[in-house]
C-alpha atoms as a PDB file:
ATOM      1  CA  MET A   1      13.980  -7.154 -35.026  1.00  0.00           C
ATOM      2  CA  ASP A   2      14.090  -3.878 -36.935  1.00  0.00           C
ATOM      3  CA  ASN A   3      17.799  -4.300 -37.685  1.00  0.00           C
ATOM      4  CA  LEU A   4      17.468  -8.033 -38.393  1.00  0.00           C
ATOM      5  CA  LEU A   5      14.765  -7.624 -41.051  1.00  0.00           C
ATOM      6  CA  SER A   6      15.940  -4.298 -42.514  1.00  0.00           C
ATOM      7  CA  ASN A   7      17.396  -5.846 -45.673  1.00  0.00           C
ATOM      8  CA  SER A   8      14.437  -8.076 -46.452  1.00  0.00           C
ATOM      9  CA  LEU A   9      11.852  -5.347 -45.804  1.00  0.00           C
ATOM     10  CA  GLN A  10      13.763  -2.613 -47.682  1.00  0.00           C
ATOM     11  CA  GLY A  11      14.468  -0.416 -44.686  1.00  0.00           C
ATOM     12  CA  THR A  12      13.638   0.088 -41.038  1.00  0.00           C
ATOM     13  CA  TRP A  13      10.995   2.096 -39.192  1.00  0.00           C
ATOM     14  CA  ARG A  14      13.553   4.839 -38.699  1.00  0.00           C
ATOM     15  CA  ASP A  15      14.300   4.951 -42.446  1.00  0.00           C
ATOM     16  CA  ALA A  16      10.606   5.385 -43.187  1.00  0.00           C
ATOM     17  CA  ALA A  17      10.341   8.104 -40.532  1.00  0.00           C
ATOM     18  CA  VAL A  18      13.377   9.909 -41.980  1.00  0.00           C
ATOM     19  CA  LYS A  19      11.757   9.889 -45.436  1.00  0.00           C
ATOM     20  CA  ASP A  20       8.473  11.229 -44.045  1.00  0.00           C
ATOM     21  CA  VAL A  21      10.102  13.957 -41.953  1.00  0.00           C
ATOM     22  CA  THR A  22      12.255  14.987 -44.918  1.00  0.00           C
ATOM     23  CA  LYS A  23       9.165  15.245 -47.146  1.00  0.00           C
ATOM     24  CA  MET A  24       7.186  17.216 -44.562  1.00  0.00           C
ATOM     25  CA  PHE A  25       9.817  19.564 -43.125  1.00  0.00           C
ATOM     26  CA  GLY A  26      12.759  19.509 -45.525  1.00  0.00           C
ATOM     27  CA  PRO A  27      16.162  17.845 -45.584  1.00  0.00           C
ATOM     28  CA  ALA A  28      17.577  19.826 -42.653  1.00  0.00           C
ATOM     29  CA  CYS A  29      14.938  18.468 -40.301  1.00  0.00           C
ATOM     30  CA  GLY A  30      15.074  14.974 -41.815  1.00  0.00           C
ATOM     31  CA  GLN A  31      18.690  14.577 -40.744  1.00  0.00           C
ATOM     32  CA  ASN A  32      17.931  15.688 -37.163  1.00  0.00           C
ATOM     33  CA  TRP A  33      17.825  12.599 -34.919  1.00  0.00           C
ATOM     34  CA  TYR A  34      15.581  14.283 -32.335  1.00  0.00           C
ATOM     35  CA  ALA A  35      12.998  15.417 -34.903  1.00  0.00           C
ATOM     36  CA  VAL A  36      12.774  11.955 -36.437  1.00  0.00           C
ATOM     37  CA  THR A  37      12.442  10.340 -33.004  1.00  0.00           C
ATOM     38  CA  LEU A  38       9.775  12.856 -31.990  1.00  0.00           C
ATOM     39  CA  VAL A  39       7.720  12.111 -35.104  1.00  0.00           C
ATOM     40  CA  LEU A  40       8.128   8.363 -34.629  1.00  0.00           C
ATOM     41  CA  VAL A  41       7.099   8.519 -30.958  1.00  0.00           C
ATOM     42  CA  SER A  42       4.139  10.799 -31.674  1.00  0.00           C
ATOM     43  CA  VAL A  43       2.834   8.504 -34.429  1.00  0.00           C
ATOM     44  CA  MET A  44       3.158   5.453 -32.169  1.00  0.00           C
ATOM     45  CA  ALA A  45       1.412   7.309 -29.321  1.00  0.00           C
ATOM     46  CA  PHE A  46      -1.428   8.299 -31.659  1.00  0.00           C
ATOM     47  CA  LEU A  47      -1.852   4.698 -32.815  1.00  0.00           C
ATOM     48  CA  ALA A  48      -1.838   3.435 -29.220  1.00  0.00           C
ATOM     49  CA  CYS A  49      -4.433   6.022 -28.135  1.00  0.00           C
ATOM     50  CA  PHE A  50      -6.631   5.281 -31.144  1.00  0.00           C
ATOM     51  CA  GLY A  51      -6.496   1.551 -30.364  1.00  0.00           C
ATOM     52  CA  ALA A  52      -7.348   2.239 -26.726  1.00  0.00           C
ATOM     53  CA  VAL A  53     -10.391   4.301 -27.729  1.00  0.00           C
ATOM     54  CA  LEU A  54     -11.590   1.591 -30.107  1.00  0.00           C
ATOM     55  CA  GLY A  55     -11.095  -1.022 -27.380  1.00  0.00           C
ATOM     56  CA  ALA A  56     -13.084   1.062 -24.885  1.00  0.00           C
ATOM     57  CA  VAL A  57     -15.930   1.490 -27.367  1.00  0.00           C
ATOM     58  CA  ALA A  58     -15.986  -2.238 -28.128  1.00  0.00           C
ATOM     59  CA  GLY A  59     -15.880  -3.059 -24.404  1.00  0.00           C
ATOM     60  CA  THR A  60     -18.783  -0.709 -23.714  1.00  0.00           C
ATOM     61  CA  ILE A  61     -20.843  -2.240 -26.509  1.00  0.00           C
ATOM     62  CA  MET A  62     -20.140  -5.773 -25.270  1.00  0.00           C
ATOM     63  CA  ASN A  63     -20.920  -4.768 -21.675  1.00  0.00           C
ATOM     64  CA  ARG A  64     -24.293  -3.322 -22.664  1.00  0.00           C
ATOM     65  CA  PHE A  65     -25.059  -6.337 -24.827  1.00  0.00           C
ATOM     66  CA  PHE A  66     -24.382  -8.841 -22.046  1.00  0.00           C
ATOM     67  CA  LYS A  67     -26.260  -6.753 -19.463  1.00  0.00           C
ATOM     68  CA  LEU A  68     -29.247  -6.754 -21.816  1.00  0.00           C
ATOM     69  CA  LEU A  69     -28.847 -10.477 -22.437  1.00  0.00           C
ATOM     70  CA  LEU A  70     -28.682 -11.364 -18.740  1.00  0.00           C
ATOM     71  CA  LYS A  71     -31.733  -9.341 -17.633  1.00  0.00           C
END
């Protein structure tokens, strides 16, 4: 999907990660495939963990609400 829509969306996820790594660490690191992949994986892991925490908080709130409702 990333390769299929790369022309219509003006680049891929990897292109955006290369730009960000180049801005943060310089052009030498931006051309390193492993550094770009590491940044991309770490950002995705952070987003997944943040979503999991928000889901746990929402689940806890709903659980308490329904326990209170069913008393």
